[in-house]
Amino acid sequence: MSVMGERNETAVSEFILLGFSSLSGKLKIFLFLVLLFIYIITVMGNTLIIFLVWMDQRLHSPMYFFIGNLSFLEIWFTSVTSLKLMLSFLSVRTTISFCGCMAQSFFYFALGATELAFLVVMSFDRYVAICHPLQYTSVMKQRLCIQLVLATWVGGFMVMSLRMLLISKLRFCGPNVINHFFCDNTPLFQLSCTDTRGIRRVDSILISALVLGSLCLTMLSYMNILFAVLRMPMAPSRQKAFATCGSHLTSLAIAYGSCIVLYARPSGNSSLEVNKGVAVLNTVVYPFLNPFIYSLRNRAVKLALRETIRLGTAKWFPIFCQPSK
């Protein structure tokens, strides 16, 4: 009997992702094209930032070093879920293997935790730059920046590796239909045929602590920045600082707002249909906006982009760069 029970517990070898299957065929095609456009722009925009930060000496500063790492992370974070989501709009039934589902869940949460840590690091960098400008170069040394980045990547993946040890204890022996477009934690808990109350509680505490803890640290930095900006004697300086911080806070509102709705509220108040819509905001819209919010609106990045285009044109199309006689 124990052998049969073990076989039944591990009977599920793949899951069916419902996604947005209730939509009409024409609407699915339209949404596929929209998501494909957003995904291409997201990947190209973040890749462009990485390239510019790597090539242009003017961008070899702690702020752009962190932004380059964030751009690299965003490419993978959106790819983990967006590719399956786009595929679901083209196919009648979207399936994912059990191992693929566990891998997708791990990388989604590991990259998400790493991103929250990056937001804390970047807010600290802005705090030092604005509140202590004279000590900035002595504080944000190259060694410290590398250590912060390594700690962010390693810490995010290690914490979520511990979480996956809990998730691996789940057994699936019944329905295999996930009412979502990726392997999120709530639908997996609902499909498990084991008692998930303890794992749910630990998972909820862990993710809530990550989201709310990083939010508090990030807002602490921005509150200090706000007070420093209000003390600036020059109105143009205040206006420029407010414009920069305002765009950053908009990005943070999307990131933390979606995370709080998805993972840091009582489970009894959550709806899978609402979660799917908020998850699109978190995994598709937010990575799409980040290149424009953090970099492509920046004057230094614009200058680096113009210089790169000019040098590229001179190299590949020299005829257009010859002076007119």
C-alpha atoms as a PDB file:
ATOM      1  CA  MET A   1       0.000   0.000   0.000  1.00  0.00           C
ATOM      2  CA  SER A   2       2.808   2.381   0.779  1.00  0.00           C
ATOM      3  CA  VAL A   3       4.304   1.790  -2.691  1.00  0.00           C
ATOM      4  CA  MET A   4       0.943   2.503  -4.345  1.00  0.00           C
ATOM      5  CA  GLY A   5       0.515   5.630  -2.219  1.00  0.00           C
ATOM      6  CA  GLU A   6       3.934   6.899  -3.259  1.00  0.00           C
ATOM      7  CA  ARG A   7       3.095   6.285  -6.922  1.00  0.00           C
ATOM      8  CA  ASN A   8      -0.169   8.176  -6.601  1.00  0.00           C
ATOM      9  CA  GLU A   9       1.546  11.109  -4.913  1.00  0.00           C
ATOM     10  CA  THR A  10       4.000  11.533  -7.793  1.00  0.00           C
ATOM     11  CA  ALA A  11       1.486  10.843 -10.575  1.00  0.00           C
ATOM     12  CA  VAL A  12       1.483  14.418 -11.935  1.00  0.00           C
ATOM     13  CA  SER A  13       4.295  14.786 -14.490  1.00  0.00           C
ATOM     14  CA  GLU A  14       3.107  18.012 -16.136  1.00  0.00           C
ATOM     15  CA  PHE A  15       0.792  20.947 -15.508  1.00  0.00           C
ATOM     16  CA  ILE A  16      -1.656  22.737 -17.772  1.00  0.00           C
ATOM     17  CA  LEU A  17      -1.409  26.543 -17.613  1.00  0.00           C
ATOM     18  CA  LEU A  18      -4.832  28.111 -18.177  1.00  0.00           C
ATOM     19  CA  GLY A  19      -3.494  31.646 -18.517  1.00  0.00           C
ATOM     20  CA  PHE A  20      -6.164  33.801 -20.183  1.00  0.00           C
ATOM     21  CA  SER A  21      -7.857  30.937 -22.020  1.00  0.00           C
ATOM     22  CA  SER A  22     -11.348  32.473 -21.696  1.00  0.00           C
ATOM     23  CA  LEU A  23     -10.480  35.296 -24.113  1.00  0.00           C
ATOM     24  CA  SER A  24     -11.612  35.239 -27.745  1.00  0.00           C
ATOM     25  CA  GLY A  25      -9.265  34.143 -30.529  1.00  0.00           C
ATOM     26  CA  LYS A  26      -8.883  37.609 -32.104  1.00  0.00           C
ATOM     27  CA  LEU A  27      -8.174  39.217 -28.746  1.00  0.00           C
ATOM     28  CA  LYS A  28      -5.524  36.559 -28.034  1.00  0.00           C
ATOM     29  CA  ILE A  29      -3.759  37.352 -31.329  1.00  0.00           C
ATOM     30  CA  PHE A  30      -3.881  41.079 -30.547  1.00  0.00           C
ATOM     31  CA  LEU A  31      -2.503  40.551 -27.032  1.00  0.00           C
ATOM     32  CA  PHE A  32       0.213  38.267 -28.387  1.00  0.00           C
ATOM     33  CA  LEU A  33       1.388  41.003 -30.772  1.00  0.00           C
ATOM     34  CA  VAL A  34       1.294  43.617 -27.992  1.00  0.00           C
ATOM     35  CA  LEU A  35       3.252  41.381 -25.608  1.00  0.00           C
ATOM     36  CA  LEU A  36       5.738  40.462 -28.329  1.00  0.00           C
ATOM     37  CA  PHE A  37       6.345  44.167 -29.036  1.00  0.00           C
ATOM     38  CA  ILE A  38       6.755  44.941 -25.321  1.00  0.00           C
ATOM     39  CA  TYR A  39       9.093  41.971 -24.834  1.00  0.00           C
ATOM     40  CA  ILE A  40      11.317  42.947 -27.783  1.00  0.00           C
ATOM     41  CA  ILE A  41      11.523  46.579 -26.587  1.00  0.00           C
ATOM     42  CA  THR A  42      12.260  45.382 -23.032  1.00  0.00           C
ATOM     43  CA  VAL A  43      15.099  43.112 -24.116  1.00  0.00           C
ATOM     44  CA  MET A  44      16.532  45.642 -26.584  1.00  0.00           C
ATOM     45  CA  GLY A  45      16.262  48.560 -24.131  1.00  0.00           C
ATOM     46  CA  ASN A  46      17.944  46.721 -21.280  1.00  0.00           C
ATOM     47  CA  THR A  47      20.608  45.272 -23.591  1.00  0.00           C
ATOM     48  CA  LEU A  48      21.314  48.767 -24.900  1.00  0.00           C
ATOM     49  CA  ILE A  49      21.818  50.038 -21.350  1.00  0.00           C
ATOM     50  CA  ILE A  50      24.223  47.192 -20.549  1.00  0.00           C
ATOM     51  CA  PHE A  51      26.169  47.927 -23.746  1.00  0.00           C
ATOM     52  CA  LEU A  52      26.374  51.679 -23.063  1.00  0.00           C
ATOM     53  CA  VAL A  53      27.441  51.189 -19.442  1.00  0.00           C
ATOM     54  CA  TRP A  54      30.118  48.749 -20.569  1.00  0.00           C
ATOM     55  CA  MET A  55      31.480  50.856 -23.445  1.00  0.00           C
ATOM     56  CA  ASP A  56      31.187  54.501 -22.376  1.00  0.00           C
ATOM     57  CA  GLN A  57      33.665  55.834 -19.814  1.00  0.00           C
ATOM     58  CA  ARG A  58      31.206  58.525 -18.677  1.00  0.00           C
ATOM     59  CA  LEU A  59      28.900  55.799 -17.368  1.00  0.00           C
ATOM     60  CA  HIS A  60      31.590  54.019 -15.336  1.00  0.00           C
ATOM     61  CA  SER A  61      30.108  55.116 -12.007  1.00  0.00           C
ATOM     62  CA  PRO A  62      28.452  53.206  -9.136  1.00  0.00           C
ATOM     63  CA  MET A  63      24.942  54.301 -10.151  1.00  0.00           C
ATOM     64  CA  TYR A  64      25.256  52.988 -13.704  1.00  0.00           C
ATOM     65  CA  PHE A  65      27.062  49.876 -12.516  1.00  0.00           C
ATOM     66  CA  PHE A  66      23.973  49.030 -10.446  1.00  0.00           C
ATOM     67  CA  ILE A  67      21.623  50.008 -13.279  1.00  0.00           C
ATOM     68  CA  GLY A  68      23.519  47.743 -15.686  1.00  0.00           C
ATOM     69  CA  ASN A  69      23.114  44.816 -13.302  1.00  0.00           C
ATOM     70  CA  LEU A  70      19.425  45.637 -12.866  1.00  0.00           C
ATOM     71  CA  SER A  71      18.975  45.690 -16.655  1.00  0.00           C
ATOM     72  CA  PHE A  72      20.636  42.275 -16.953  1.00  0.00           C
ATOM     73  CA  LEU A  73      18.303  40.964 -14.248  1.00  0.00           C
ATOM     74  CA  GLU A  74      15.199  42.443 -15.917  1.00  0.00           C
ATOM     75  CA  ILE A  75      15.887  40.592 -19.172  1.00  0.00           C
ATOM     76  CA  TRP A  76      15.848  37.241 -17.378  1.00  0.00           C
ATOM     77  CA  PHE A  77      13.030  38.152 -14.994  1.00  0.00           C
ATOM     78  CA  THR A  78      10.588  39.015 -17.769  1.00  0.00           C
ATOM     79  CA  SER A  79      11.752  36.058 -19.923  1.00  0.00           C
ATOM     80  CA  VAL A  80      10.953  33.540 -17.167  1.00  0.00           C
ATOM     81  CA  THR A  81       7.197  34.180 -17.509  1.00  0.00           C
ATOM     82  CA  SER A  82       6.589  36.244 -20.674  1.00  0.00           C
ATOM     83  CA  LEU A  83       7.623  33.544 -23.158  1.00  0.00           C
ATOM     84  CA  LYS A  84       5.103  31.038 -21.762  1.00  0.00           C
ATOM     85  CA  LEU A  85       2.464  33.760 -21.594  1.00  0.00           C
ATOM     86  CA  MET A  86       2.928  34.639 -25.269  1.00  0.00           C
ATOM     87  CA  LEU A  87       2.870  30.961 -26.194  1.00  0.00           C
ATOM     88  CA  SER A  88      -0.451  30.530 -24.360  1.00  0.00           C
ATOM     89  CA  PHE A  89      -2.083  33.063 -26.712  1.00  0.00           C
ATOM     90  CA  LEU A  90      -1.071  31.000 -29.755  1.00  0.00           C
ATOM     91  CA  SER A  91      -1.831  27.468 -28.561  1.00  0.00           C
ATOM     92  CA  VAL A  92      -5.030  25.724 -27.531  1.00  0.00           C
ATOM     93  CA  ARG A  93      -3.405  24.185 -24.465  1.00  0.00           C
ATOM     94  CA  THR A  94      -0.180  25.291 -22.787  1.00  0.00           C
ATOM     95  CA  THR A  95       1.630  22.659 -20.735  1.00  0.00           C
ATOM     96  CA  ILE A  96       4.760  22.734 -18.623  1.00  0.00           C
ATOM     97  CA  SER A  97       6.615  19.755 -17.170  1.00  0.00           C
ATOM     98  CA  PHE A  98       6.802  19.235 -13.417  1.00  0.00           C
ATOM     99  CA  CYS A  99      10.546  20.011 -13.371  1.00  0.00           C
ATOM    100  CA  GLY A 100      10.001  22.983 -15.682  1.00  0.00           C
ATOM    101  CA  CYS A 101       7.305  24.299 -13.367  1.00  0.00           C
ATOM    102  CA  MET A 102       9.556  24.023 -10.307  1.00  0.00           C
ATOM    103  CA  ALA A 103      12.425  25.694 -12.189  1.00  0.00           C
ATOM    104  CA  GLN A 104      10.183  28.524 -13.371  1.00  0.00           C
ATOM    105  CA  SER A 105       8.892  29.097  -9.837  1.00  0.00           C
ATOM    106  CA  PHE A 106      12.426  29.130  -8.433  1.00  0.00           C
ATOM    107  CA  PHE A 107      13.871  31.594 -10.960  1.00  0.00           C
ATOM    108  CA  TYR A 108      10.823  33.854 -10.770  1.00  0.00           C
ATOM    109  CA  PHE A 109      11.090  34.258  -6.997  1.00  0.00           C
ATOM    110  CA  ALA A 110      14.918  34.243  -6.917  1.00  0.00           C
ATOM    111  CA  LEU A 111      15.176  36.980  -9.539  1.00  0.00           C
ATOM    112  CA  GLY A 112      12.337  38.882  -7.862  1.00  0.00           C
ATOM    113  CA  ALA A 113      14.081  38.774  -4.473  1.00  0.00           C
ATOM    114  CA  THR A 114      17.342  39.865  -6.103  1.00  0.00           C
ATOM    115  CA  GLU A 115      15.566  42.785  -7.757  1.00  0.00           C
ATOM    116  CA  LEU A 116      14.131  43.970  -4.432  1.00  0.00           C
ATOM    117  CA  ALA A 117      17.641  43.867  -2.974  1.00  0.00           C
ATOM    118  CA  PHE A 118      18.931  45.886  -5.939  1.00  0.00           C
ATOM    119  CA  LEU A 119      16.300  48.552  -5.302  1.00  0.00           C
ATOM    120  CA  VAL A 120      17.583  48.863  -1.738  1.00  0.00           C
ATOM    121  CA  VAL A 121      21.205  49.138  -2.927  1.00  0.00           C
ATOM    122  CA  MET A 122      20.315  51.711  -5.594  1.00  0.00           C
ATOM    123  CA  SER A 123      18.345  53.824  -3.122  1.00  0.00           C
ATOM    124  CA  PHE A 124      21.342  53.747  -0.757  1.00  0.00           C
ATOM    125  CA  ASP A 125      23.597  54.856  -3.616  1.00  0.00           C
ATOM    126  CA  ARG A 126      21.285  57.827  -4.355  1.00  0.00           C
ATOM    127  CA  TYR A 127      21.140  58.643  -0.640  1.00  0.00           C
ATOM    128  CA  VAL A 128      24.926  58.890  -0.386  1.00  0.00           C
ATOM    129  CA  ALA A 129      25.167  60.867  -3.657  1.00  0.00           C
ATOM    130  CA  ILE A 130      22.561  63.474  -2.653  1.00  0.00           C
ATOM    131  CA  CYS A 131      22.885  63.643   1.132  1.00  0.00           C
ATOM    132  CA  HIS A 132      26.673  63.201   1.383  1.00  0.00           C
ATOM    133  CA  PRO A 133      28.080  64.311  -2.005  1.00  0.00           C
ATOM    134  CA  LEU A 134      31.543  65.151  -0.665  1.00  0.00           C
ATOM    135  CA  GLN A 135      31.987  61.641   0.782  1.00  0.00           C
ATOM    136  CA  TYR A 136      30.414  59.839  -2.209  1.00  0.00           C
ATOM    137  CA  THR A 137      33.626  58.760  -3.952  1.00  0.00           C
ATOM    138  CA  SER A 138      35.230  57.650  -0.691  1.00  0.00           C
ATOM    139  CA  VAL A 139      32.153  55.642   0.371  1.00  0.00           C
ATOM    140  CA  MET A 140      31.010  54.101  -2.929  1.00  0.00           C
ATOM    141  CA  LYS A 141      34.353  52.607  -3.923  1.00  0.00           C
ATOM    142  CA  GLN A 142      34.611  49.974  -6.649  1.00  0.00           C
ATOM    143  CA  ARG A 143      35.266  47.208  -4.137  1.00  0.00           C
ATOM    144  CA  LEU A 144      32.154  48.058  -2.110  1.00  0.00           C
ATOM    145  CA  CYS A 145      30.020  48.231  -5.258  1.00  0.00           C
ATOM    146  CA  ILE A 146      31.188  44.780  -6.381  1.00  0.00           C
ATOM    147  CA  GLN A 147      30.576  43.389  -2.896  1.00  0.00           C
ATOM    148  CA  LEU A 148      27.047  44.839  -2.831  1.00  0.00           C
ATOM    149  CA  VAL A 149      26.225  43.365  -6.241  1.00  0.00           C
ATOM    150  CA  LEU A 150      27.603  39.931  -5.328  1.00  0.00           C
ATOM    151  CA  ALA A 151      25.750  39.957  -2.001  1.00  0.00           C
ATOM    152  CA  THR A 152      22.544  40.907  -3.803  1.00  0.00           C
ATOM    153  CA  TRP A 153      22.754  38.105  -6.382  1.00  0.00           C
ATOM    154  CA  VAL A 154      23.978  35.413  -3.977  1.00  0.00           C
ATOM    155  CA  GLY A 155      21.591  36.458  -1.197  1.00  0.00           C
ATOM    156  CA  GLY A 156      18.511  36.475  -3.425  1.00  0.00           C
ATOM    157  CA  PHE A 157      19.224  33.037  -4.878  1.00  0.00           C
ATOM    158  CA  MET A 158      20.235  31.482  -1.537  1.00  0.00           C
ATOM    159  CA  VAL A 159      17.084  32.654   0.251  1.00  0.00           C
ATOM    160  CA  MET A 160      14.871  31.327  -2.530  1.00  0.00           C
ATOM    161  CA  SER A 161      16.818  28.051  -2.579  1.00  0.00           C
ATOM    162  CA  LEU A 162      15.733  27.548   1.036  1.00  0.00           C
ATOM    163  CA  ARG A 163      12.163  28.323  -0.027  1.00  0.00           C
ATOM    164  CA  MET A 164      12.364  25.702  -2.787  1.00  0.00           C
ATOM    165  CA  LEU A 165      13.284  23.099  -0.194  1.00  0.00           C
ATOM    166  CA  LEU A 166       9.852  23.735   1.314  1.00  0.00           C
ATOM    167  CA  ILE A 167       8.085  23.723  -2.056  1.00  0.00           C
ATOM    168  CA  SER A 168       9.773  20.428  -2.945  1.00  0.00           C
ATOM    169  CA  LYS A 169       7.879  18.789  -0.074  1.00  0.00           C
ATOM    170  CA  LEU A 170       4.585  19.358  -1.912  1.00  0.00           C
ATOM    171  CA  ARG A 171       3.009  16.326  -3.563  1.00  0.00           C
ATOM    172  CA  PHE A 172       0.645  16.487  -6.537  1.00  0.00           C
ATOM    173  CA  CYS A 173      -1.604  13.519  -7.085  1.00  0.00           C
ATOM    174  CA  GLY A 174      -4.843  14.995  -8.423  1.00  0.00           C
ATOM    175  CA  PRO A 175      -5.808  17.827 -10.814  1.00  0.00           C
ATOM    176  CA  ASN A 176      -2.944  19.370 -12.770  1.00  0.00           C
ATOM    177  CA  VAL A 177      -4.623  22.528 -14.133  1.00  0.00           C
ATOM    178  CA  ILE A 178      -2.993  25.775 -12.925  1.00  0.00           C
ATOM    179  CA  ASN A 179      -5.290  28.780 -13.136  1.00  0.00           C
ATOM    180  CA  HIS A 180      -2.432  31.136 -13.993  1.00  0.00           C
ATOM    181  CA  PHE A 181       0.031  31.840 -16.820  1.00  0.00           C
ATOM    182  CA  PHE A 182       3.035  30.667 -14.780  1.00  0.00           C
ATOM    183  CA  CYS A 183       3.786  28.482 -11.746  1.00  0.00           C
ATOM    184  CA  ASP A 184       3.012  30.942  -8.969  1.00  0.00           C
ATOM    185  CA  ASN A 185       2.864  29.784  -5.353  1.00  0.00           C
ATOM    186  CA  THR A 186      -0.903  30.148  -4.683  1.00  0.00           C
ATOM    187  CA  PRO A 187      -2.163  27.863  -7.504  1.00  0.00           C
ATOM    188  CA  LEU A 188       0.537  25.307  -6.655  1.00  0.00           C
ATOM    189  CA  PHE A 189      -0.604  25.251  -3.017  1.00  0.00           C
ATOM    190  CA  GLN A 190      -4.189  24.764  -4.155  1.00  0.00           C
ATOM    191  CA  LEU A 191      -3.279  21.773  -6.342  1.00  0.00           C
ATOM    192  CA  SER A 192      -1.155  20.007  -3.741  1.00  0.00           C
ATOM    193  CA  CYS A 193      -2.697  16.923  -2.144  1.00  0.00           C
ATOM    194  CA  THR A 194      -0.617  17.337   1.028  1.00  0.00           C
ATOM    195  CA  ASP A 195      -1.316  19.564   4.011  1.00  0.00           C
ATOM    196  CA  THR A 196       0.078  22.951   2.951  1.00  0.00           C
ATOM    197  CA  ARG A 197      -0.847  25.038   6.001  1.00  0.00           C
ATOM    198  CA  GLY A 198       2.639  25.011   7.525  1.00  0.00           C
ATOM    199  CA  ILE A 199       4.426  25.562   4.204  1.00  0.00           C
ATOM    200  CA  ARG A 200       1.973  28.343   3.277  1.00  0.00           C
ATOM    201  CA  ARG A 201       2.636  30.105   6.568  1.00  0.00           C
ATOM    202  CA  VAL A 202       6.419  29.926   6.267  1.00  0.00           C
ATOM    203  CA  ASP A 203       6.296  30.951   2.608  1.00  0.00           C
ATOM    204  CA  SER A 204       4.032  33.901   3.372  1.00  0.00           C
ATOM    205  CA  ILE A 205       6.230  35.100   6.261  1.00  0.00           C
ATOM    206  CA  LEU A 206       9.411  34.787   4.169  1.00  0.00           C
ATOM    207  CA  ILE A 207       8.117  36.662   1.116  1.00  0.00           C
ATOM    208  CA  SER A 208       6.290  39.291   3.182  1.00  0.00           C
ATOM    209  CA  ALA A 209       9.474  39.939   5.171  1.00  0.00           C
ATOM    210  CA  LEU A 210      11.472  40.360   1.944  1.00  0.00           C
ATOM    211  CA  VAL A 211       8.934  42.685   0.327  1.00  0.00           C
ATOM    212  CA  LEU A 212       8.108  44.838   3.366  1.00  0.00           C
ATOM    213  CA  GLY A 213      11.671  44.834   4.729  1.00  0.00           C
ATOM    214  CA  SER A 214      13.182  46.019   1.441  1.00  0.00           C
ATOM    215  CA  LEU A 215      10.355  48.560   1.070  1.00  0.00           C
ATOM    216  CA  CYS A 216      11.122  50.069   4.485  1.00  0.00           C
ATOM    217  CA  LEU A 217      14.857  50.325   3.748  1.00  0.00           C
ATOM    218  CA  THR A 218      14.227  51.832   0.314  1.00  0.00           C
ATOM    219  CA  MET A 219      11.727  54.390   1.616  1.00  0.00           C
ATOM    220  CA  LEU A 220      14.079  55.276   4.473  1.00  0.00           C
ATOM    221  CA  SER A 221      16.711  56.294   1.919  1.00  0.00           C
ATOM    222  CA  TYR A 222      14.212  58.284  -0.152  1.00  0.00           C
ATOM    223  CA  MET A 223      12.822  60.052   2.927  1.00  0.00           C
ATOM    224  CA  ASN A 224      16.333  61.239   3.773  1.00  0.00           C
ATOM    225  CA  ILE A 225      16.791  62.271   0.142  1.00  0.00           C
ATOM    226  CA  LEU A 226      13.521  64.234   0.293  1.00  0.00           C
ATOM    227  CA  PHE A 227      14.608  66.161   3.377  1.00  0.00           C
ATOM    228  CA  ALA A 228      17.999  66.869   1.786  1.00  0.00           C
ATOM    229  CA  VAL A 229      16.342  68.138  -1.408  1.00  0.00           C
ATOM    230  CA  LEU A 230      14.030  70.461   0.554  1.00  0.00           C
ATOM    231  CA  ARG A 231      17.101  72.029   2.171  1.00  0.00           C
ATOM    232  CA  MET A 232      18.725  72.816  -1.196  1.00  0.00           C
ATOM    233  CA  PRO A 233      19.065  76.595  -1.667  1.00  0.00           C
ATOM    234  CA  MET A 234      18.757  76.580  -5.482  1.00  0.00           C
ATOM    235  CA  ALA A 235      15.284  76.069  -6.974  1.00  0.00           C
ATOM    236  CA  PRO A 236      16.575  74.461 -10.241  1.00  0.00           C
ATOM    237  CA  SER A 237      18.519  71.906  -8.206  1.00  0.00           C
ATOM    238  CA  ARG A 238      15.425  71.039  -6.194  1.00  0.00           C
ATOM    239  CA  GLN A 239      13.343  70.749  -9.357  1.00  0.00           C
ATOM    240  CA  LYS A 240      15.849  68.418 -11.023  1.00  0.00           C
ATOM    241  CA  ALA A 241      16.137  66.240  -7.910  1.00  0.00           C
ATOM    242  CA  PHE A 242      12.344  66.062  -7.518  1.00  0.00           C
ATOM    243  CA  ALA A 243      11.940  65.064 -11.181  1.00  0.00           C
ATOM    244  CA  THR A 244      14.496  62.258 -10.804  1.00  0.00           C
ATOM    245  CA  CYS A 245      13.096  60.994  -7.498  1.00  0.00           C
ATOM    246  CA  GLY A 246       9.532  61.275  -8.797  1.00  0.00           C
ATOM    247  CA  SER A 247      10.219  58.911 -11.711  1.00  0.00           C
ATOM    248  CA  HIS A 248      12.051  56.502  -9.391  1.00  0.00           C
ATOM    249  CA  LEU A 249       9.158  56.520  -6.912  1.00  0.00           C
ATOM    250  CA  THR A 250       6.722  55.779  -9.742  1.00  0.00           C
ATOM    251  CA  SER A 251       8.767  52.699 -10.614  1.00  0.00           C
ATOM    252  CA  LEU A 252       8.922  51.681  -6.954  1.00  0.00           C
ATOM    253  CA  ALA A 253       5.147  52.116  -6.598  1.00  0.00           C
ATOM    254  CA  ILE A 254       4.558  49.655  -9.458  1.00  0.00           C
ATOM    255  CA  ALA A 255       7.111  47.145  -8.150  1.00  0.00           C
ATOM    256  CA  TYR A 256       6.146  47.158  -4.485  1.00  0.00           C
ATOM    257  CA  GLY A 257       2.446  47.734  -5.096  1.00  0.00           C
ATOM    258  CA  SER A 258       2.197  44.630  -7.265  1.00  0.00           C
ATOM    259  CA  CYS A 259       4.323  42.570  -4.842  1.00  0.00           C
ATOM    260  CA  ILE A 260       2.183  43.593  -1.854  1.00  0.00           C
ATOM    261  CA  VAL A 261      -1.036  42.727  -3.699  1.00  0.00           C
ATOM    262  CA  LEU A 262       0.372  39.366  -4.801  1.00  0.00           C
ATOM    263  CA  TYR A 263       2.312  38.180  -1.771  1.00  0.00           C
ATOM    264  CA  ALA A 264       2.099  40.466   1.272  1.00  0.00           C
ATOM    265  CA  ARG A 265      -1.621  40.439   2.040  1.00  0.00           C
ATOM    266  CA  PRO A 266      -3.827  37.841   3.765  1.00  0.00           C
ATOM    267  CA  SER A 267      -4.345  34.831   1.504  1.00  0.00           C
ATOM    268  CA  GLY A 268      -8.069  34.836   2.123  1.00  0.00           C
ATOM    269  CA  ASN A 269      -8.394  38.198   0.358  1.00  0.00           C
ATOM    270  CA  SER A 270      -6.650  37.108  -2.840  1.00  0.00           C
ATOM    271  CA  SER A 271      -8.347  36.277  -6.137  1.00  0.00           C
ATOM    272  CA  LEU A 272      -6.544  34.327  -8.835  1.00  0.00           C
ATOM    273  CA  GLU A 273      -8.138  36.459 -11.568  1.00  0.00           C
ATOM    274  CA  VAL A 274      -6.938  39.645  -9.892  1.00  0.00           C
ATOM    275  CA  ASN A 275      -3.534  38.063  -9.269  1.00  0.00           C
ATOM    276  CA  LYS A 276      -3.131  37.260 -12.963  1.00  0.00           C
ATOM    277  CA  GLY A 277      -3.722  40.877 -13.942  1.00  0.00           C
ATOM    278  CA  VAL A 278      -1.363  42.212 -11.271  1.00  0.00           C
ATOM    279  CA  ALA A 279       1.248  39.604 -12.246  1.00  0.00           C
ATOM    280  CA  VAL A 280       1.218  40.954 -15.824  1.00  0.00           C
ATOM    281  CA  LEU A 281       1.952  44.398 -14.365  1.00  0.00           C
ATOM    282  CA  ASN A 282       4.815  42.937 -12.337  1.00  0.00           C
ATOM    283  CA  THR A 283       6.407  40.684 -14.967  1.00  0.00           C
ATOM    284  CA  VAL A 284       5.702  42.540 -18.234  1.00  0.00           C
ATOM    285  CA  VAL A 285       4.960  46.246 -17.686  1.00  0.00           C
ATOM    286  CA  TYR A 286       7.484  46.952 -14.913  1.00  0.00           C
ATOM    287  CA  PRO A 287      10.552  45.522 -16.759  1.00  0.00           C
ATOM    288  CA  PHE A 288       9.385  47.418 -19.871  1.00  0.00           C
ATOM    289  CA  LEU A 289       9.280  50.788 -18.054  1.00  0.00           C
ATOM    290  CA  ASN A 290      12.534  50.442 -16.102  1.00  0.00           C
ATOM    291  CA  PRO A 291      14.968  51.312 -18.946  1.00  0.00           C
ATOM    292  CA  PHE A 292      13.081  54.555 -19.596  1.00  0.00           C
ATOM    293  CA  ILE A 293      12.720  55.465 -15.914  1.00  0.00           C
ATOM    294  CA  TYR A 294      16.261  54.766 -14.732  1.00  0.00           C
ATOM    295  CA  SER A 295      18.420  55.382 -17.797  1.00  0.00           C
ATOM    296  CA  LEU A 296      17.107  56.417 -21.200  1.00  0.00           C
ATOM    297  CA  ARG A 297      15.721  59.710 -19.828  1.00  0.00           C
ATOM    298  CA  ASN A 298      19.101  60.518 -18.274  1.00  0.00           C
ATOM    299  CA  ARG A 299      21.223  63.197 -19.955  1.00  0.00           C
ATOM    300  CA  ALA A 300      24.490  61.227 -19.590  1.00  0.00           C
ATOM    301  CA  VAL A 301      22.922  58.145 -21.178  1.00  0.00           C
ATOM    302  CA  LYS A 302      21.523  60.226 -24.051  1.00  0.00           C
ATOM    303  CA  LEU A 303      24.980  61.688 -24.713  1.00  0.00           C
ATOM    304  CA  ALA A 304      26.546  58.222 -24.594  1.00  0.00           C
ATOM    305  CA  LEU A 305      23.894  56.913 -27.002  1.00  0.00           C
ATOM    306  CA  ARG A 306      24.468  59.787 -29.467  1.00  0.00           C
ATOM    307  CA  GLU A 307      28.220  59.249 -29.316  1.00  0.00           C
ATOM    308  CA  THR A 308      27.831  55.507 -29.891  1.00  0.00           C
ATOM    309  CA  ILE A 309      25.538  56.117 -32.873  1.00  0.00           C
ATOM    310  CA  ARG A 310      27.976  58.681 -34.291  1.00  0.00           C
ATOM    311  CA  LEU A 311      30.971  56.352 -33.944  1.00  0.00           C
ATOM    312  CA  GLY A 312      28.992  53.416 -35.331  1.00  0.00           C
ATOM    313  CA  THR A 313      27.852  55.463 -38.332  1.00  0.00           C
ATOM    314  CA  ALA A 314      31.416  56.643 -38.966  1.00  0.00           C
ATOM    315  CA  LYS A 315      32.681  53.062 -38.900  1.00  0.00           C
ATOM    316  CA  TRP A 316      30.012  51.298 -40.920  1.00  0.00           C
ATOM    317  CA  PHE A 317      28.816  54.116 -43.176  1.00  0.00           C
ATOM    318  CA  PRO A 318      31.870  56.372 -43.646  1.00  0.00           C
ATOM    319  CA  ILE A 319      30.429  57.923 -46.796  1.00  0.00           C
ATOM    320  CA  PHE A 320      27.788  59.714 -44.744  1.00  0.00           C
ATOM    321  CA  CYS A 321      30.397  61.209 -42.403  1.00  0.00           C
ATOM    322  CA  GLN A 322      32.626  62.754 -45.060  1.00  0.00           C
ATOM    323  CA  PRO A 323      32.734  66.557 -44.845  1.00  0.00           C
ATOM    324  CA  SER A 324      30.994  68.325 -47.682  1.00  0.00           C
ATOM    325  CA  LYS A 325      33.239  70.261 -50.080  1.00  0.00           C
END
